[in-house]
């Protein structure tokens, strides 16, 4: 009888993981599928940030692991690994876009502080900043 209960509990847990669409807590930093991904949303970085501030769980359900197109004013660039573009929304926090290595050099060359930039990325959730990975120019 215990074996049946454990098996049933395991099935329930597995079903819950699949229902949330999330079987892992971390996305790969370099996921080339972004080059073919269709974004679930096109929004300013401020809207993405405010969604996470209002309700992190709801924002994760909406964006986590999915492609999004974000636009905003660049406030910083980082050439060190991971190469990234920063959009400060609520200093010192905001949106951190970690670039796909294939396109990082070209994106960093175009990412001037104070200029608007649009990127397509996978959303990896909130970790101080809203973290985006595998970012490319759409």
C-alpha atoms as a PDB file:
ATOM      1  CA  UNK A   1       0.000   0.000   0.000  1.00  0.00           C
ATOM      2  CA  UNK A   2       2.874   2.399   0.846  1.00  0.00           C
ATOM      3  CA  UNK A   3       4.459   1.724  -2.514  1.00  0.00           C
ATOM      4  CA  UNK A   4       1.225   2.686  -4.270  1.00  0.00           C
ATOM      5  CA  UNK A   5       0.995   5.924  -2.263  1.00  0.00           C
ATOM      6  CA  UNK A   6       4.605   6.831  -3.041  1.00  0.00           C
ATOM      7  CA  UNK A   7       4.103   6.058  -6.710  1.00  0.00           C
ATOM      8  CA  UNK A   8       0.930   8.179  -6.778  1.00  0.00           C
ATOM      9  CA  UNK A   9       2.677  11.035  -4.964  1.00  0.00           C
ATOM     10  CA  UNK A  10       5.519  10.857  -7.476  1.00  0.00           C
ATOM     11  CA  UNK A  11       3.086  11.036 -10.385  1.00  0.00           C
ATOM     12  CA  UNK A  12       1.336  14.044  -8.836  1.00  0.00           C
ATOM     13  CA  UNK A  13       4.692  15.835  -8.398  1.00  0.00           C
ATOM     14  CA  UNK A  14       5.723  15.034 -11.961  1.00  0.00           C
ATOM     15  CA  UNK A  15       2.394  16.284 -13.303  1.00  0.00           C
ATOM     16  CA  UNK A  16       2.781  19.515 -11.316  1.00  0.00           C
ATOM     17  CA  UNK A  17       6.240  20.105 -12.785  1.00  0.00           C
ATOM     18  CA  UNK A  18       4.963  19.636 -16.325  1.00  0.00           C
ATOM     19  CA  UNK A  19       1.911  21.790 -15.663  1.00  0.00           C
ATOM     20  CA  UNK A  20       4.081  24.727 -14.651  1.00  0.00           C
ATOM     21  CA  UNK A  21       6.172  24.274 -17.787  1.00  0.00           C
ATOM     22  CA  UNK A  22       9.302  24.459 -15.671  1.00  0.00           C
ATOM     23  CA  UNK A  23      11.381  21.398 -14.916  1.00  0.00           C
ATOM     24  CA  UNK A  24      14.572  23.328 -14.172  1.00  0.00           C
ATOM     25  CA  UNK A  25      15.345  26.439 -12.184  1.00  0.00           C
ATOM     26  CA  UNK A  26      18.018  27.734 -14.534  1.00  0.00           C
ATOM     27  CA  UNK A  27      18.167  28.407 -18.254  1.00  0.00           C
ATOM     28  CA  UNK A  28      21.295  27.827 -20.330  1.00  0.00           C
ATOM     29  CA  UNK A  29      23.346  31.012 -20.811  1.00  0.00           C
ATOM     30  CA  UNK A  30      23.888  30.278 -24.509  1.00  0.00           C
ATOM     31  CA  UNK A  31      20.759  28.914 -26.181  1.00  0.00           C
ATOM     32  CA  UNK A  32      20.842  29.305 -29.965  1.00  0.00           C
ATOM     33  CA  UNK A  33      17.123  28.470 -30.197  1.00  0.00           C
ATOM     34  CA  UNK A  34      16.573  32.198 -29.585  1.00  0.00           C
ATOM     35  CA  UNK A  35      17.467  32.815 -33.250  1.00  0.00           C
ATOM     36  CA  UNK A  36      14.272  30.965 -34.275  1.00  0.00           C
ATOM     37  CA  UNK A  37      12.053  31.781 -31.289  1.00  0.00           C
ATOM     38  CA  UNK A  38       8.853  33.776 -31.591  1.00  0.00           C
ATOM     39  CA  UNK A  39       8.471  36.244 -28.715  1.00  0.00           C
ATOM     40  CA  UNK A  40       5.477  35.906 -26.391  1.00  0.00           C
ATOM     41  CA  UNK A  41       5.661  39.648 -25.702  1.00  0.00           C
ATOM     42  CA  UNK A  42       7.169  42.867 -27.038  1.00  0.00           C
ATOM     43  CA  UNK A  43       7.506  45.391 -24.241  1.00  0.00           C
ATOM     44  CA  UNK A  44       9.632  48.147 -22.719  1.00  0.00           C
ATOM     45  CA  UNK A  45      12.060  47.012 -20.016  1.00  0.00           C
ATOM     46  CA  UNK A  46      10.098  49.135 -17.540  1.00  0.00           C
ATOM     47  CA  UNK A  47       6.955  47.011 -18.099  1.00  0.00           C
ATOM     48  CA  UNK A  48       8.879  43.753 -17.669  1.00  0.00           C
ATOM     49  CA  UNK A  49      10.423  45.105 -14.451  1.00  0.00           C
ATOM     50  CA  UNK A  50       7.070  46.296 -13.088  1.00  0.00           C
ATOM     51  CA  UNK A  51       5.436  42.920 -13.829  1.00  0.00           C
ATOM     52  CA  UNK A  52       8.118  41.224 -11.718  1.00  0.00           C
ATOM     53  CA  UNK A  53       7.784  43.778  -8.931  1.00  0.00           C
ATOM     54  CA  UNK A  54       3.994  43.454  -8.832  1.00  0.00           C
ATOM     55  CA  UNK A  55       3.822  39.632  -8.732  1.00  0.00           C
ATOM     56  CA  UNK A  56       6.931  37.536  -9.282  1.00  0.00           C
ATOM     57  CA  UNK A  57       5.058  34.236  -9.608  1.00  0.00           C
ATOM     58  CA  UNK A  58       2.623  35.599 -12.161  1.00  0.00           C
ATOM     59  CA  UNK A  59       5.483  37.155 -14.125  1.00  0.00           C
ATOM     60  CA  UNK A  60       7.385  33.853 -14.087  1.00  0.00           C
ATOM     61  CA  UNK A  61       4.308  32.051 -15.425  1.00  0.00           C
ATOM     62  CA  UNK A  62       4.024  34.643 -18.177  1.00  0.00           C
ATOM     63  CA  UNK A  63       7.700  35.043 -19.183  1.00  0.00           C
ATOM     64  CA  UNK A  64      10.069  32.480 -17.612  1.00  0.00           C
ATOM     65  CA  UNK A  65      11.867  30.400 -20.233  1.00  0.00           C
ATOM     66  CA  UNK A  66      10.069  32.195 -23.061  1.00  0.00           C
ATOM     67  CA  UNK A  67      11.370  34.578 -25.692  1.00  0.00           C
ATOM     68  CA  UNK A  68      10.571  38.262 -25.205  1.00  0.00           C
ATOM     69  CA  UNK A  69      11.471  41.372 -27.178  1.00  0.00           C
ATOM     70  CA  UNK A  70      12.462  44.180 -24.835  1.00  0.00           C
ATOM     71  CA  UNK A  71      13.362  47.788 -25.586  1.00  0.00           C
ATOM     72  CA  UNK A  72      14.910  50.391 -23.378  1.00  0.00           C
ATOM     73  CA  UNK A  73      17.569  52.991 -22.824  1.00  0.00           C
ATOM     74  CA  UNK A  74      20.986  51.416 -22.259  1.00  0.00           C
ATOM     75  CA  UNK A  75      22.554  52.427 -18.942  1.00  0.00           C
ATOM     76  CA  UNK A  76      25.623  50.198 -19.053  1.00  0.00           C
ATOM     77  CA  UNK A  77      27.498  47.572 -21.019  1.00  0.00           C
ATOM     78  CA  UNK A  78      29.723  44.775 -19.815  1.00  0.00           C
ATOM     79  CA  UNK A  79      32.353  43.239 -22.035  1.00  0.00           C
ATOM     80  CA  UNK A  80      33.390  40.679 -19.384  1.00  0.00           C
ATOM     81  CA  UNK A  81      31.771  37.254 -19.320  1.00  0.00           C
ATOM     82  CA  UNK A  82      28.861  37.092 -19.453  1.00  0.00           C
ATOM     83  CA  UNK A  83      28.824  39.970 -21.923  1.00  0.00           C
ATOM     84  CA  UNK A  84      25.745  42.015 -21.191  1.00  0.00           C
ATOM     85  CA  UNK A  85      23.709  45.166 -21.616  1.00  0.00           C
ATOM     86  CA  UNK A  86      22.123  46.840 -18.603  1.00  0.00           C
ATOM     87  CA  UNK A  87      18.883  48.777 -18.418  1.00  0.00           C
ATOM     88  CA  UNK A  88      18.543  50.441 -14.982  1.00  0.00           C
ATOM     89  CA  UNK A  89      14.873  50.770 -14.117  1.00  0.00           C
ATOM     90  CA  UNK A  90      14.989  51.226 -10.329  1.00  0.00           C
ATOM     91  CA  UNK A  91      18.695  51.929  -9.667  1.00  0.00           C
ATOM     92  CA  UNK A  92      20.686  50.008  -8.741  1.00  0.00           C
ATOM     93  CA  UNK A  93      18.358  47.349 -10.197  1.00  0.00           C
ATOM     94  CA  UNK A  94      16.762  46.819 -13.543  1.00  0.00           C
ATOM     95  CA  UNK A  95      17.074  44.438 -16.474  1.00  0.00           C
ATOM     96  CA  UNK A  96      20.309  42.584 -17.261  1.00  0.00           C
ATOM     97  CA  UNK A  97      20.478  41.235 -20.814  1.00  0.00           C
ATOM     98  CA  UNK A  98      23.194  38.577 -21.203  1.00  0.00           C
ATOM     99  CA  UNK A  99      24.204  38.351 -24.834  1.00  0.00           C
ATOM    100  CA  UNK A 100      24.484  35.324 -27.108  1.00  0.00           C
ATOM    101  CA  UNK A 101      28.205  34.989 -27.875  1.00  0.00           C
ATOM    102  CA  UNK A 102      27.595  34.787 -31.656  1.00  0.00           C
ATOM    103  CA  UNK A 103      26.210  38.341 -31.731  1.00  0.00           C
ATOM    104  CA  UNK A 104      27.744  39.914 -28.617  1.00  0.00           C
ATOM    105  CA  UNK A 105      30.477  41.890 -30.381  1.00  0.00           C
ATOM    106  CA  UNK A 106      28.051  43.527 -32.822  1.00  0.00           C
ATOM    107  CA  UNK A 107      25.472  44.248 -30.109  1.00  0.00           C
ATOM    108  CA  UNK A 108      28.046  45.786 -27.765  1.00  0.00           C
ATOM    109  CA  UNK A 109      29.327  47.983 -30.607  1.00  0.00           C
ATOM    110  CA  UNK A 110      25.773  49.313 -31.132  1.00  0.00           C
ATOM    111  CA  UNK A 111      24.850  49.560 -27.439  1.00  0.00           C
ATOM    112  CA  UNK A 112      25.710  53.150 -26.594  1.00  0.00           C
ATOM    113  CA  UNK A 113      24.813  54.356 -23.113  1.00  0.00           C
ATOM    114  CA  UNK A 114      21.761  56.595 -23.344  1.00  0.00           C
ATOM    115  CA  UNK A 115      20.573  55.121 -26.653  1.00  0.00           C
ATOM    116  CA  UNK A 116      17.525  52.879 -27.096  1.00  0.00           C
ATOM    117  CA  UNK A 117      18.118  49.237 -27.941  1.00  0.00           C
ATOM    118  CA  UNK A 118      15.789  46.326 -28.697  1.00  0.00           C
ATOM    119  CA  UNK A 119      16.819  42.750 -27.917  1.00  0.00           C
ATOM    120  CA  UNK A 120      15.185  39.325 -28.156  1.00  0.00           C
ATOM    121  CA  UNK A 121      16.033  37.110 -25.175  1.00  0.00           C
ATOM    122  CA  UNK A 122      14.868  34.231 -23.038  1.00  0.00           C
ATOM    123  CA  UNK A 123      13.585  35.428 -19.659  1.00  0.00           C
ATOM    124  CA  UNK A 124      15.355  33.789 -16.702  1.00  0.00           C
ATOM    125  CA  UNK A 125      13.396  35.543 -13.946  1.00  0.00           C
ATOM    126  CA  UNK A 126      14.262  37.822 -11.071  1.00  0.00           C
ATOM    127  CA  UNK A 127      17.656  37.654  -9.348  1.00  0.00           C
ATOM    128  CA  UNK A 128      18.120  41.206  -8.062  1.00  0.00           C
ATOM    129  CA  UNK A 129      17.721  42.266 -11.688  1.00  0.00           C
ATOM    130  CA  UNK A 130      15.342  40.720 -14.174  1.00  0.00           C
ATOM    131  CA  UNK A 131      17.780  38.439 -16.007  1.00  0.00           C
ATOM    132  CA  UNK A 132      17.517  37.782 -19.720  1.00  0.00           C
ATOM    133  CA  UNK A 133      19.758  35.231 -21.474  1.00  0.00           C
ATOM    134  CA  UNK A 134      20.880  34.378 -25.017  1.00  0.00           C
ATOM    135  CA  UNK A 135      20.044  37.918 -26.180  1.00  0.00           C
ATOM    136  CA  UNK A 136      20.215  38.851 -29.868  1.00  0.00           C
ATOM    137  CA  UNK A 137      19.085  41.704 -32.092  1.00  0.00           C
ATOM    138  CA  UNK A 138      15.677  40.742 -33.543  1.00  0.00           C
END
